[in-house]
C-alpha atoms as a PDB file:
ATOM      1  CA  MET A   1       0.042   0.010  -0.077  1.00  0.00           C
ATOM      2  CA  ASN A   2       2.785   2.480   0.840  1.00  0.00           C
ATOM      3  CA  PHE A   3       4.528   1.531  -2.328  1.00  0.00           C
ATOM      4  CA  ARG A   4       1.372   2.318  -4.332  1.00  0.00           C
ATOM      5  CA  ASN A   5       0.930   5.578  -2.516  1.00  0.00           C
ATOM      6  CA  SER A   6       4.602   6.469  -3.189  1.00  0.00           C
ATOM      7  CA  ILE A   7       4.184   5.872  -6.872  1.00  0.00           C
ATOM      8  CA  ARG A   8       0.993   7.923  -7.033  1.00  0.00           C
ATOM      9  CA  THR A   9       2.530  10.770  -5.165  1.00  0.00           C
ATOM     10  CA  GLY A  10       5.467  10.687  -7.430  1.00  0.00           C
ATOM     11  CA  LEU A  11       3.282  10.714 -10.607  1.00  0.00           C
ATOM     12  CA  LEU A  12       1.281  13.616  -9.188  1.00  0.00           C
ATOM     13  CA  ALA A  13       4.435  15.583  -8.489  1.00  0.00           C
ATOM     14  CA  LEU A  14       5.713  14.896 -11.934  1.00  0.00           C
ATOM     15  CA  ALA A  15       2.418  16.019 -13.525  1.00  0.00           C
ATOM     16  CA  ALA A  16       2.446  19.220 -11.488  1.00  0.00           C
ATOM     17  CA  LEU A  17       6.076  19.894 -12.538  1.00  0.00           C
ATOM     18  CA  LEU A  18       5.251  19.385 -16.290  1.00  0.00           C
ATOM     19  CA  THR A  19       2.102  21.529 -16.001  1.00  0.00           C
ATOM     20  CA  THR A  20       4.153  24.275 -14.302  1.00  0.00           C
ATOM     21  CA  GLN A  21       6.808  24.156 -17.007  1.00  0.00           C
ATOM     22  CA  ASN A  22       4.253  24.208 -19.843  1.00  0.00           C
ATOM     23  CA  THR A  23       2.354  27.082 -18.228  1.00  0.00           C
ATOM     24  CA  ALA A  24       5.588  29.136 -17.861  1.00  0.00           C
ATOM     25  CA  LYS A  25       6.527  28.379 -21.509  1.00  0.00           C
ATOM     26  CA  ALA A  26       3.023  29.307 -22.668  1.00  0.00           C
ATOM     27  CA  GLN A  27       3.136  32.448 -20.667  1.00  0.00           C
ATOM     28  CA  ASP A  28       6.488  33.736 -21.875  1.00  0.00           C
ATOM     29  CA  PRO A  29       5.421  37.279 -22.804  1.00  0.00           C
ATOM     30  CA  ILE A  30       8.460  37.962 -24.949  1.00  0.00           C
ATOM     31  CA  ALA A  31       8.132  34.762 -27.056  1.00  0.00           C
ATOM     32  CA  ASP A  32       4.436  35.267 -27.226  1.00  0.00           C
ATOM     33  CA  PHE A  33       4.805  38.771 -28.540  1.00  0.00           C
ATOM     34  CA  TYR A  34       7.442  38.066 -31.190  1.00  0.00           C
ATOM     35  CA  LYS A  35       6.066  34.785 -32.411  1.00  0.00           C
ATOM     36  CA  GLY A  36       4.838  35.171 -36.002  1.00  0.00           C
ATOM     37  CA  LYS A  37       5.884  38.794 -36.220  1.00  0.00           C
ATOM     38  CA  THR A  38       7.979  40.518 -38.974  1.00  0.00           C
ATOM     39  CA  LEU A  39      10.558  42.989 -37.601  1.00  0.00           C
ATOM     40  CA  ARG A  40      11.990  45.716 -39.810  1.00  0.00           C
ATOM     41  CA  ILE A  41      15.413  47.432 -39.928  1.00  0.00           C
ATOM     42  CA  VAL A  42      15.635  50.603 -41.974  1.00  0.00           C
ATOM     43  CA  ILE A  43      19.060  51.299 -43.433  1.00  0.00           C
ATOM     44  CA  GLY A  44      19.778  55.025 -43.813  1.00  0.00           C
ATOM     45  CA  TYR A  45      21.894  54.595 -46.931  1.00  0.00           C
ATOM     46  CA  ALA A  46      21.859  53.064 -50.393  1.00  0.00           C
ATOM     47  CA  PRO A  47      22.697  49.362 -51.012  1.00  0.00           C
ATOM     48  CA  GLY A  48      26.327  48.377 -51.082  1.00  0.00           C
ATOM     49  CA  GLY A  49      27.950  50.461 -48.303  1.00  0.00           C
ATOM     50  CA  GLY A  50      28.956  49.543 -44.733  1.00  0.00           C
ATOM     51  CA  TYR A  51      25.625  50.444 -43.149  1.00  0.00           C
ATOM     52  CA  ASP A  52      23.849  48.302 -45.658  1.00  0.00           C
ATOM     53  CA  ILE A  53      26.237  45.336 -45.220  1.00  0.00           C
ATOM     54  CA  TYR A  54      25.787  45.281 -41.443  1.00  0.00           C
ATOM     55  CA  GLY A  55      22.082  46.098 -41.573  1.00  0.00           C
ATOM     56  CA  ARG A  56      21.438  43.117 -43.815  1.00  0.00           C
ATOM     57  CA  VAL A  57      23.654  40.770 -41.707  1.00  0.00           C
ATOM     58  CA  PHE A  58      21.516  41.733 -38.762  1.00  0.00           C
ATOM     59  CA  ALA A  59      18.354  41.085 -40.676  1.00  0.00           C
ATOM     60  CA  GLU A  60      19.548  37.743 -41.824  1.00  0.00           C
ATOM     61  CA  HIS A  61      20.571  36.279 -38.495  1.00  0.00           C
ATOM     62  CA  PHE A  62      18.949  38.247 -35.589  1.00  0.00           C
ATOM     63  CA  GLY A  63      15.543  36.583 -35.688  1.00  0.00           C
ATOM     64  CA  ARG A  64      17.025  33.197 -34.739  1.00  0.00           C
ATOM     65  CA  PHE A  65      18.119  34.540 -31.348  1.00  0.00           C
ATOM     66  CA  VAL A  66      14.915  36.467 -30.473  1.00  0.00           C
ATOM     67  CA  PRO A  67      12.311  34.401 -28.396  1.00  0.00           C
ATOM     68  CA  GLY A  68       9.570  33.451 -30.781  1.00  0.00           C
ATOM     69  CA  ASN A  69      11.908  33.534 -33.707  1.00  0.00           C
ATOM     70  CA  PRO A  70      10.434  36.383 -35.703  1.00  0.00           C
ATOM     71  CA  THR A  71      11.288  37.251 -39.319  1.00  0.00           C
ATOM     72  CA  VAL A  72      13.500  40.281 -39.788  1.00  0.00           C
ATOM     73  CA  VAL A  73      13.550  42.272 -43.119  1.00  0.00           C
ATOM     74  CA  ALA A  74      15.733  45.074 -44.202  1.00  0.00           C
ATOM     75  CA  GLN A  75      14.672  48.230 -46.158  1.00  0.00           C
ATOM     76  CA  ASN A  76      16.917  50.895 -47.559  1.00  0.00           C
ATOM     77  CA  MET A  77      15.664  54.432 -46.765  1.00  0.00           C
ATOM     78  CA  GLU A  78      18.455  56.653 -47.911  1.00  0.00           C
ATOM     79  CA  GLY A  79      18.472  60.440 -47.645  1.00  0.00           C
ATOM     80  CA  ALA A  80      19.868  63.393 -45.688  1.00  0.00           C
ATOM     81  CA  GLY A  81      22.800  61.381 -44.395  1.00  0.00           C
ATOM     82  CA  SER A  82      20.475  58.729 -42.903  1.00  0.00           C
ATOM     83  CA  PHE A  83      18.282  61.267 -41.097  1.00  0.00           C
ATOM     84  CA  LEU A  84      15.319  60.362 -43.332  1.00  0.00           C
ATOM     85  CA  ALA A  85      15.467  56.911 -41.777  1.00  0.00           C
ATOM     86  CA  ALA A  86      16.193  58.321 -38.291  1.00  0.00           C
ATOM     87  CA  ARG A  87      13.085  60.489 -38.455  1.00  0.00           C
ATOM     88  CA  TYR A  88      11.015  57.533 -39.675  1.00  0.00           C
ATOM     89  CA  LEU A  89      12.236  55.390 -36.806  1.00  0.00           C
ATOM     90  CA  TYR A  90      11.526  58.131 -34.285  1.00  0.00           C
ATOM     91  CA  ASN A  91       8.233  59.508 -35.461  1.00  0.00           C
ATOM     92  CA  VAL A  92       6.543  56.800 -37.691  1.00  0.00           C
ATOM     93  CA  ALA A  93       7.683  53.326 -36.939  1.00  0.00           C
ATOM     94  CA  PRO A  94       6.020  51.261 -34.234  1.00  0.00           C
ATOM     95  CA  GLN A  95       7.628  51.901 -30.812  1.00  0.00           C
ATOM     96  CA  ASP A  96       7.157  48.418 -29.583  1.00  0.00           C
ATOM     97  CA  GLY A  97      10.464  46.622 -30.166  1.00  0.00           C
ATOM     98  CA  THR A  98       9.815  45.633 -33.791  1.00  0.00           C
ATOM     99  CA  SER A  99      11.665  48.411 -35.557  1.00  0.00           C
ATOM    100  CA  PHE A 100      15.384  49.006 -35.802  1.00  0.00           C
ATOM    101  CA  GLY A 101      17.868  51.274 -37.632  1.00  0.00           C
ATOM    102  CA  SER A 102      21.244  51.145 -39.204  1.00  0.00           C
ATOM    103  CA  LEU A 103      21.938  54.882 -38.973  1.00  0.00           C
ATOM    104  CA  ALA A 104      24.781  57.352 -39.200  1.00  0.00           C
ATOM    105  CA  GLN A 105      27.335  56.793 -36.403  1.00  0.00           C
ATOM    106  CA  THR A 106      27.399  60.645 -36.066  1.00  0.00           C
ATOM    107  CA  LEU A 107      23.665  60.654 -34.993  1.00  0.00           C
ATOM    108  CA  PRO A 108      24.482  61.754 -31.315  1.00  0.00           C
ATOM    109  CA  LEU A 109      27.029  64.300 -32.500  1.00  0.00           C
ATOM    110  CA  ASP A 110      24.566  65.750 -34.903  1.00  0.00           C
ATOM    111  CA  PHE A 111      21.779  65.931 -32.306  1.00  0.00           C
ATOM    112  CA  ALA A 112      24.198  67.486 -29.764  1.00  0.00           C
ATOM    113  CA  MET A 113      24.979  70.289 -32.274  1.00  0.00           C
ATOM    114  CA  GLY A 114      21.256  70.979 -32.593  1.00  0.00           C
ATOM    115  CA  ASP A 115      20.702  69.302 -35.959  1.00  0.00           C
ATOM    116  CA  GLN A 116      17.339  67.453 -36.331  1.00  0.00           C
ATOM    117  CA  ARG A 117      16.150  68.444 -32.827  1.00  0.00           C
ATOM    118  CA  LYS A 118      12.763  69.505 -34.074  1.00  0.00           C
ATOM    119  CA  ASP A 119      12.336  66.007 -35.588  1.00  0.00           C
ATOM    120  CA  LEU A 120      13.836  63.598 -33.003  1.00  0.00           C
ATOM    121  CA  ASP A 121      15.609  63.174 -29.658  1.00  0.00           C
ATOM    122  CA  ALA A 122      18.678  60.999 -30.047  1.00  0.00           C
ATOM    123  CA  SER A 123      18.927  60.585 -26.247  1.00  0.00           C
ATOM    124  CA  LYS A 124      15.689  58.652 -26.324  1.00  0.00           C
ATOM    125  CA  MET A 125      16.694  56.129 -28.979  1.00  0.00           C
ATOM    126  CA  PRO A 126      18.409  53.213 -27.235  1.00  0.00           C
ATOM    127  CA  TYR A 127      21.072  51.038 -29.028  1.00  0.00           C
ATOM    128  CA  ILE A 128      20.632  47.225 -29.187  1.00  0.00           C
ATOM    129  CA  GLY A 129      24.355  46.692 -29.666  1.00  0.00           C
ATOM    130  CA  ARG A 130      27.379  47.414 -31.900  1.00  0.00           C
ATOM    131  CA  MET A 131      28.509  44.973 -34.580  1.00  0.00           C
ATOM    132  CA  VAL A 132      31.814  46.723 -35.431  1.00  0.00           C
ATOM    133  CA  SER A 133      33.585  49.961 -34.723  1.00  0.00           C
ATOM    134  CA  ASN A 134      33.914  51.982 -37.901  1.00  0.00           C
ATOM    135  CA  ILE A 135      36.933  53.967 -38.919  1.00  0.00           C
ATOM    136  CA  ASP A 136      36.030  56.111 -41.840  1.00  0.00           C
ATOM    137  CA  LEU A 137      38.802  56.495 -44.326  1.00  0.00           C
ATOM    138  CA  GLY A 138      39.594  59.070 -47.031  1.00  0.00           C
ATOM    139  CA  ALA A 139      40.677  56.715 -49.882  1.00  0.00           C
ATOM    140  CA  GLY A 140      41.684  57.284 -53.470  1.00  0.00           C
ATOM    141  CA  MET A 141      41.658  54.799 -56.306  1.00  0.00           C
ATOM    142  CA  PRO A 142      44.575  52.568 -57.217  1.00  0.00           C
ATOM    143  CA  GLY A 143      46.879  54.654 -59.385  1.00  0.00           C
ATOM    144  CA  ALA A 144      45.782  57.970 -58.017  1.00  0.00           C
ATOM    145  CA  TRP A 145      48.153  60.925 -58.452  1.00  0.00           C
ATOM    146  CA  PHE A 146      48.358  61.586 -54.699  1.00  0.00           C
ATOM    147  CA  LYS A 147      49.932  59.350 -52.103  1.00  0.00           C
ATOM    148  CA  ASP A 148      49.318  60.761 -48.640  1.00  0.00           C
ATOM    149  CA  PHE A 149      47.810  63.698 -46.696  1.00  0.00           C
ATOM    150  CA  GLU A 150      50.816  65.982 -47.363  1.00  0.00           C
ATOM    151  CA  ASP A 151      49.723  65.933 -51.023  1.00  0.00           C
ATOM    152  CA  ALA A 152      46.336  67.237 -49.904  1.00  0.00           C
ATOM    153  CA  ARG A 153      48.030  70.243 -48.376  1.00  0.00           C
ATOM    154  CA  LYS A 154      49.827  71.035 -51.635  1.00  0.00           C
ATOM    155  CA  LYS A 155      47.125  70.638 -54.330  1.00  0.00           C
ATOM    156  CA  GLU A 156      43.317  70.524 -54.604  1.00  0.00           C
ATOM    157  CA  ILE A 157      41.737  67.014 -54.365  1.00  0.00           C
ATOM    158  CA  VAL A 158      38.167  66.608 -55.423  1.00  0.00           C
ATOM    159  CA  VAL A 159      36.255  64.637 -52.775  1.00  0.00           C
ATOM    160  CA  GLY A 160      32.932  62.693 -53.261  1.00  0.00           C
ATOM    161  CA  ALA A 161      30.356  62.585 -50.322  1.00  0.00           C
ATOM    162  CA  THR A 162      26.787  61.721 -49.578  1.00  0.00           C
ATOM    163  CA  GLY A 163      24.723  64.294 -47.616  1.00  0.00           C
ATOM    164  CA  ALA A 164      25.960  67.636 -46.368  1.00  0.00           C
ATOM    165  CA  SER A 165      25.757  66.291 -42.851  1.00  0.00           C
ATOM    166  CA  SER A 166      27.496  62.968 -43.673  1.00  0.00           C
ATOM    167  CA  PRO A 167      30.995  62.015 -42.508  1.00  0.00           C
ATOM    168  CA  GLY A 168      32.118  62.158 -46.165  1.00  0.00           C
ATOM    169  CA  PHE A 169      31.418  65.892 -46.141  1.00  0.00           C
ATOM    170  CA  LEU A 170      32.390  66.733 -42.535  1.00  0.00           C
ATOM    171  CA  LEU A 171      35.741  65.046 -42.526  1.00  0.00           C
ATOM    172  CA  PRO A 172      37.381  66.748 -45.470  1.00  0.00           C
ATOM    173  CA  THR A 173      35.751  70.067 -44.559  1.00  0.00           C
ATOM    174  CA  ALA A 174      37.182  69.823 -41.059  1.00  0.00           C
ATOM    175  CA  LEU A 175      40.584  68.957 -42.416  1.00  0.00           C
ATOM    176  CA  ASN A 176      40.384  72.031 -44.591  1.00  0.00           C
ATOM    177  CA  ALA A 177      39.691  74.214 -41.646  1.00  0.00           C
ATOM    178  CA  TYR A 178      42.021  72.670 -39.109  1.00  0.00           C
ATOM    179  CA  ALA A 179      44.716  70.809 -40.911  1.00  0.00           C
ATOM    180  CA  GLY A 180      45.533  72.944 -43.979  1.00  0.00           C
ATOM    181  CA  ALA A 181      44.098  70.592 -46.576  1.00  0.00           C
ATOM    182  CA  LYS A 182      42.804  71.660 -49.983  1.00  0.00           C
ATOM    183  CA  PHE A 183      39.783  69.398 -50.477  1.00  0.00           C
ATOM    184  CA  LYS A 184      36.916  70.335 -52.827  1.00  0.00           C
ATOM    185  CA  VAL A 185      33.875  68.406 -51.753  1.00  0.00           C
ATOM    186  CA  ILE A 186      31.201  67.315 -54.175  1.00  0.00           C
ATOM    187  CA  TYR A 187      28.279  66.065 -52.172  1.00  0.00           C
ATOM    188  CA  GLY A 188      24.758  64.600 -52.916  1.00  0.00           C
ATOM    189  CA  TYR A 189      25.555  60.972 -53.756  1.00  0.00           C
ATOM    190  CA  LYS A 190      23.062  58.499 -52.378  1.00  0.00           C
ATOM    191  CA  GLY A 191      25.578  56.207 -50.652  1.00  0.00           C
ATOM    192  CA  SER A 192      29.282  55.306 -50.351  1.00  0.00           C
ATOM    193  CA  ASN A 193      28.764  52.845 -53.179  1.00  0.00           C
ATOM    194  CA  ASP A 194      27.770  55.600 -55.414  1.00  0.00           C
ATOM    195  CA  VAL A 195      30.813  57.672 -54.355  1.00  0.00           C
ATOM    196  CA  LEU A 196      33.027  54.708 -55.148  1.00  0.00           C
ATOM    197  CA  LEU A 197      31.484  54.506 -58.596  1.00  0.00           C
ATOM    198  CA  ALA A 198      32.093  58.178 -59.037  1.00  0.00           C
ATOM    199  CA  ALA A 199      35.704  57.723 -58.185  1.00  0.00           C
ATOM    200  CA  GLU A 200      35.982  54.823 -60.643  1.00  0.00           C
ATOM    201  CA  ARG A 201      34.536  57.165 -63.278  1.00  0.00           C
ATOM    202  CA  LYS A 202      37.057  59.808 -62.254  1.00  0.00           C
ATOM    203  CA  GLU A 203      34.286  62.220 -61.294  1.00  0.00           C
ATOM    204  CA  VAL A 204      36.090  62.642 -57.946  1.00  0.00           C
ATOM    205  CA  ASP A 205      39.583  61.881 -56.799  1.00  0.00           C
ATOM    206  CA  LEU A 206      38.937  60.811 -53.239  1.00  0.00           C
ATOM    207  CA  ILE A 207      36.172  58.868 -51.387  1.00  0.00           C
ATOM    208  CA  GLY A 208      35.530  61.259 -48.520  1.00  0.00           C
ATOM    209  CA  SER A 209      34.284  58.507 -46.191  1.00  0.00           C
ATOM    210  CA  ILE A 210      34.398  54.781 -46.528  1.00  0.00           C
ATOM    211  CA  GLY A 211      34.616  52.406 -43.615  1.00  0.00           C
ATOM    212  CA  ILE A 212      37.662  50.060 -43.147  1.00  0.00           C
ATOM    213  CA  ALA A 213      35.226  47.241 -42.668  1.00  0.00           C
ATOM    214  CA  THR A 214      33.521  48.011 -45.967  1.00  0.00           C
ATOM    215  CA  LEU A 215      36.853  47.996 -47.845  1.00  0.00           C
ATOM    216  CA  LEU A 216      37.921  44.741 -46.329  1.00  0.00           C
ATOM    217  CA  VAL A 217      34.821  43.227 -47.862  1.00  0.00           C
ATOM    218  CA  ARG A 218      34.826  44.954 -51.162  1.00  0.00           C
ATOM    219  CA  ASN A 219      38.486  45.714 -51.913  1.00  0.00           C
ATOM    220  CA  PRO A 220      40.723  44.133 -49.199  1.00  0.00           C
ATOM    221  CA  ASP A 221      43.827  44.601 -51.389  1.00  0.00           C
ATOM    222  CA  TRP A 222      43.466  48.355 -51.084  1.00  0.00           C
ATOM    223  CA  ILE A 223      44.306  48.000 -47.379  1.00  0.00           C
ATOM    224  CA  LEU A 224      46.147  44.676 -46.953  1.00  0.00           C
ATOM    225  CA  GLU A 225      48.435  45.252 -50.024  1.00  0.00           C
ATOM    226  CA  LYS A 226      48.367  49.087 -49.950  1.00  0.00           C
ATOM    227  CA  LYS A 227      47.107  49.170 -53.556  1.00  0.00           C
ATOM    228  CA  ALA A 228      45.131  52.430 -52.975  1.00  0.00           C
ATOM    229  CA  PRO A 229      46.176  55.640 -51.173  1.00  0.00           C
ATOM    230  CA  VAL A 230      44.517  56.164 -47.847  1.00  0.00           C
ATOM    231  CA  VAL A 231      45.244  59.702 -46.720  1.00  0.00           C
ATOM    232  CA  TYR A 232      43.360  59.949 -43.344  1.00  0.00           C
ATOM    233  CA  GLN A 233      41.521  57.815 -40.855  1.00  0.00           C
ATOM    234  CA  ALA A 234      38.713  59.130 -38.607  1.00  0.00           C
ATOM    235  CA  ALA A 235      39.834  57.413 -35.417  1.00  0.00           C
ATOM    236  CA  LEU A 236      41.244  58.373 -32.006  1.00  0.00           C
ATOM    237  CA  LYS A 237      44.292  56.256 -32.771  1.00  0.00           C
ATOM    238  CA  ARG A 238      45.789  54.482 -35.817  1.00  0.00           C
ATOM    239  CA  HIS A 239      44.247  51.147 -36.761  1.00  0.00           C
ATOM    240  CA  PRO A 240      46.723  48.221 -36.758  1.00  0.00           C
ATOM    241  CA  LEU A 241      46.105  47.555 -40.442  1.00  0.00           C
ATOM    242  CA  LEU A 242      46.848  51.199 -41.254  1.00  0.00           C
ATOM    243  CA  PRO A 243      49.823  52.269 -39.008  1.00  0.00           C
ATOM    244  CA  HIS A 244      51.157  54.532 -41.821  1.00  0.00           C
ATOM    245  CA  VAL A 245      47.895  56.571 -42.111  1.00  0.00           C
ATOM    246  CA  PRO A 246      47.473  59.531 -39.614  1.00  0.00           C
ATOM    247  CA  ALA A 247      44.495  59.619 -37.295  1.00  0.00           C
ATOM    248  CA  LEU A 248      42.401  62.774 -37.568  1.00  0.00           C
ATOM    249  CA  ALA A 249      43.618  64.618 -34.497  1.00  0.00           C
ATOM    250  CA  GLU A 250      47.243  64.046 -35.485  1.00  0.00           C
ATOM    251  CA  LEU A 251      46.757  66.319 -38.534  1.00  0.00           C
ATOM    252  CA  ALA A 252      45.568  69.324 -36.528  1.00  0.00           C
ATOM    253  CA  THR A 253      47.557  72.489 -36.774  1.00  0.00           C
ATOM    254  CA  SER A 254      46.294  74.063 -33.510  1.00  0.00           C
ATOM    255  CA  ALA A 255      44.950  73.035 -30.100  1.00  0.00           C
ATOM    256  CA  GLU A 256      41.498  74.185 -31.096  1.00  0.00           C
ATOM    257  CA  GLY A 257      41.603  72.074 -34.206  1.00  0.00           C
ATOM    258  CA  LYS A 258      42.763  69.054 -32.206  1.00  0.00           C
ATOM    259  CA  GLY A 259      39.659  69.363 -30.021  1.00  0.00           C
ATOM    260  CA  VAL A 260      37.387  69.599 -32.940  1.00  0.00           C
ATOM    261  CA  LEU A 261      38.924  66.711 -34.848  1.00  0.00           C
ATOM    262  CA  THR A 262      38.898  64.520 -31.717  1.00  0.00           C
ATOM    263  CA  ALA A 263      35.220  65.182 -31.217  1.00  0.00           C
ATOM    264  CA  ILE A 264      34.481  64.085 -34.807  1.00  0.00           C
ATOM    265  CA  ALA A 265      36.654  61.056 -34.622  1.00  0.00           C
ATOM    266  CA  ALA A 266      34.969  59.738 -31.389  1.00  0.00           C
ATOM    267  CA  SER A 267      31.944  58.653 -33.467  1.00  0.00           C
ATOM    268  CA  ALA A 268      34.052  55.737 -34.795  1.00  0.00           C
ATOM    269  CA  GLU A 269      33.354  54.012 -31.517  1.00  0.00           C
ATOM    270  CA  ILE A 270      29.581  53.920 -32.335  1.00  0.00           C
ATOM    271  CA  GLY A 271      30.394  52.439 -35.713  1.00  0.00           C
ATOM    272  CA  ARG A 272      27.981  50.078 -37.268  1.00  0.00           C
ATOM    273  CA  SER A 273      25.465  49.803 -34.345  1.00  0.00           C
ATOM    274  CA  ILE A 274      21.885  48.805 -34.290  1.00  0.00           C
ATOM    275  CA  ILE A 275      19.461  51.319 -32.866  1.00  0.00           C
ATOM    276  CA  THR A 276      15.756  51.105 -32.052  1.00  0.00           C
ATOM    277  CA  SER A 277      12.807  53.415 -31.528  1.00  0.00           C
ATOM    278  CA  PRO A 278      11.902  55.273 -28.316  1.00  0.00           C
ATOM    279  CA  ASN A 279       9.508  53.824 -25.699  1.00  0.00           C
ATOM    280  CA  VAL A 280      10.293  50.186 -26.223  1.00  0.00           C
ATOM    281  CA  PRO A 281       9.014  48.355 -23.119  1.00  0.00           C
ATOM    282  CA  PRO A 282      12.016  47.753 -20.786  1.00  0.00           C
ATOM    283  CA  ALA A 283      11.520  43.977 -20.695  1.00  0.00           C
ATOM    284  CA  ARG A 284      11.552  43.752 -24.502  1.00  0.00           C
ATOM    285  CA  LEU A 285      14.595  46.015 -24.816  1.00  0.00           C
ATOM    286  CA  ALA A 286      16.433  43.812 -22.328  1.00  0.00           C
ATOM    287  CA  ALA A 287      15.363  40.694 -24.325  1.00  0.00           C
ATOM    288  CA  LEU A 288      16.475  42.263 -27.641  1.00  0.00           C
ATOM    289  CA  ARG A 289      19.862  43.166 -26.207  1.00  0.00           C
ATOM    290  CA  LYS A 290      20.230  39.699 -24.770  1.00  0.00           C
ATOM    291  CA  ALA A 291      19.395  38.256 -28.225  1.00  0.00           C
ATOM    292  CA  PHE A 292      21.967  40.569 -29.868  1.00  0.00           C
ATOM    293  CA  ASN A 293      24.736  39.562 -27.454  1.00  0.00           C
ATOM    294  CA  ALA A 294      23.881  35.813 -28.111  1.00  0.00           C
ATOM    295  CA  MET A 295      24.126  36.363 -31.833  1.00  0.00           C
ATOM    296  CA  MET A 296      27.504  38.040 -31.535  1.00  0.00           C
ATOM    297  CA  ALA A 297      28.863  35.215 -29.490  1.00  0.00           C
ATOM    298  CA  ASP A 298      27.296  32.356 -31.560  1.00  0.00           C
ATOM    299  CA  ALA A 299      29.907  30.054 -33.114  1.00  0.00           C
ATOM    300  CA  ALA A 300      28.006  29.381 -36.338  1.00  0.00           C
ATOM    301  CA  PHE A 301      27.402  33.102 -36.827  1.00  0.00           C
ATOM    302  CA  LEU A 302      30.971  33.960 -36.190  1.00  0.00           C
ATOM    303  CA  ASP A 303      32.064  31.225 -38.708  1.00  0.00           C
ATOM    304  CA  VAL A 304      29.774  32.723 -41.435  1.00  0.00           C
ATOM    305  CA  MET A 305      31.156  36.183 -40.860  1.00  0.00           C
ATOM    306  CA  LYS A 306      34.724  35.043 -41.033  1.00  0.00           C
ATOM    307  CA  LYS A 307      34.048  33.299 -44.298  1.00  0.00           C
ATOM    308  CA  ARG A 308      32.535  36.553 -45.655  1.00  0.00           C
ATOM    309  CA  ASN A 309      35.507  38.657 -44.327  1.00  0.00           C
ATOM    310  CA  VAL A 310      32.966  40.665 -42.235  1.00  0.00           C
ATOM    311  CA  MET A 311      34.769  42.214 -39.276  1.00  0.00           C
ATOM    312  CA  LEU A 312      33.102  42.104 -35.884  1.00  0.00           C
ATOM    313  CA  GLU A 313      34.031  44.177 -32.815  1.00  0.00           C
ATOM    314  CA  PRO A 314      30.866  43.953 -30.652  1.00  0.00           C
ATOM    315  CA  LEU A 315      29.757  46.135 -27.851  1.00  0.00           C
ATOM    316  CA  THR A 316      26.615  45.774 -25.782  1.00  0.00           C
ATOM    317  CA  GLY A 317      23.671  48.200 -26.206  1.00  0.00           C
ATOM    318  CA  GLU A 318      24.399  49.621 -22.766  1.00  0.00           C
ATOM    319  CA  GLN A 319      28.042  50.305 -23.715  1.00  0.00           C
ATOM    320  CA  VAL A 320      27.004  52.071 -26.938  1.00  0.00           C
ATOM    321  CA  ASP A 321      24.375  54.120 -24.986  1.00  0.00           C
ATOM    322  CA  ARG A 322      27.188  55.363 -22.686  1.00  0.00           C
ATOM    323  CA  ILE A 323      29.300  56.386 -25.752  1.00  0.00           C
ATOM    324  CA  SER A 324      26.292  58.180 -27.172  1.00  0.00           C
ATOM    325  CA  ASN A 325      25.590  59.939 -23.799  1.00  0.00           C
ATOM    326  CA  ASP A 326      29.214  61.086 -23.570  1.00  0.00           C
ATOM    327  CA  THR A 327      28.934  62.547 -27.099  1.00  0.00           C
ATOM    328  CA  LEU A 328      25.813  64.433 -26.129  1.00  0.00           C
ATOM    329  CA  GLU A 329      27.795  66.027 -23.354  1.00  0.00           C
ATOM    330  CA  THR A 330      30.495  67.419 -25.663  1.00  0.00           C
ATOM    331  CA  PRO A 331      31.447  70.965 -24.669  1.00  0.00           C
ATOM    332  CA  LYS A 332      29.358  73.544 -26.296  1.00  0.00           C
ATOM    333  CA  ASP A 333      32.247  75.554 -27.668  1.00  0.00           C
ATOM    334  CA  VAL A 334      33.591  72.438 -29.500  1.00  0.00           C
ATOM    335  CA  LEU A 335      30.086  71.701 -30.713  1.00  0.00           C
ATOM    336  CA  ALA A 336      29.743  75.259 -32.107  1.00  0.00           C
ATOM    337  CA  LEU A 337      32.952  74.761 -34.064  1.00  0.00           C
ATOM    338  CA  VAL A 338      31.769  71.534 -35.522  1.00  0.00           C
ATOM    339  CA  GLN A 339      28.401  73.026 -36.432  1.00  0.00           C
ATOM    340  CA  LYS A 340      30.164  75.826 -38.253  1.00  0.00           C
ATOM    341  CA  LEU A 341      31.884  73.231 -40.415  1.00  0.00           C
ATOM    342  CA  VAL A 342      28.542  71.499 -41.243  1.00  0.00           C
ATOM    343  CA  ASN A 343      27.186  74.832 -42.344  1.00  0.00           C
ATOM    344  CA  VAL A 344      29.992  75.290 -44.822  1.00  0.00           C
ATOM    345  CA  LYS A 345      28.303  74.363 -48.152  1.00  0.00           C
END
């Protein structure tokens, strides 16, 4: 009798445990919310550039790591140096954790200067995480007549850029003002891929801003074999692959210029990060960040990226938020000087 009671008690306990587990699984609010949904990432630039590459990598893989395994689709929404996409994400897209952006790494700096304040508040847009830091390069084509930055101080070099608030415009303009360069900037191209095509057609001499990660995918020999001239890198220190190319602040001819060029170069740390809309419920934001971290540590994902020659230097969303917040607190006198450069058109 005692034996039978023991079996009966054990079976009841097992049934209760299974019921509890099934109930917990059925009541997972994150998985329940995302199951069957389609998430969207808007990419603020035309196809082919660095923001597009990393935005599409995110779309391809991220859904596997989100509870409920939603589908993720990418949409290019180029214009105004990615601010068309930024305004969409802030003002139009659902604010429920289903919308993301691959936007200009200078977004916090632009907002701090006062740009776009009537349309969005960058301090309210949290980051999901960083896929890679991005050092923007000023690069010419193989066989270009110039070799280094000293040539830019001697003779005019025509530079191609996207929007007037884009790094491709800002970097050469800042170097004209604070490093003695003689760049002539032609802007209005839809994306870095279009600038690259313009350089191939000899419409421009220099690509004003192209990420090192992008070049390592598209034209690795330009960097690894030094087949093309790289005249500056928008970084706080020289990248190990480009020890011969000066970082932005090194080129300054004054203390004031060094402060401005340092502020501009700091956006490299934001790089190719994934941002989301304001007002995402905290539990969903935490789950999205956890999913992003899991993706960036996944062995299969890392293997695919290695085979594609796609660089990864991840940071958590919280870390990128701190970088963004530090940028938003840049001294006003420095911001005013940067703003003055943006207004030079």
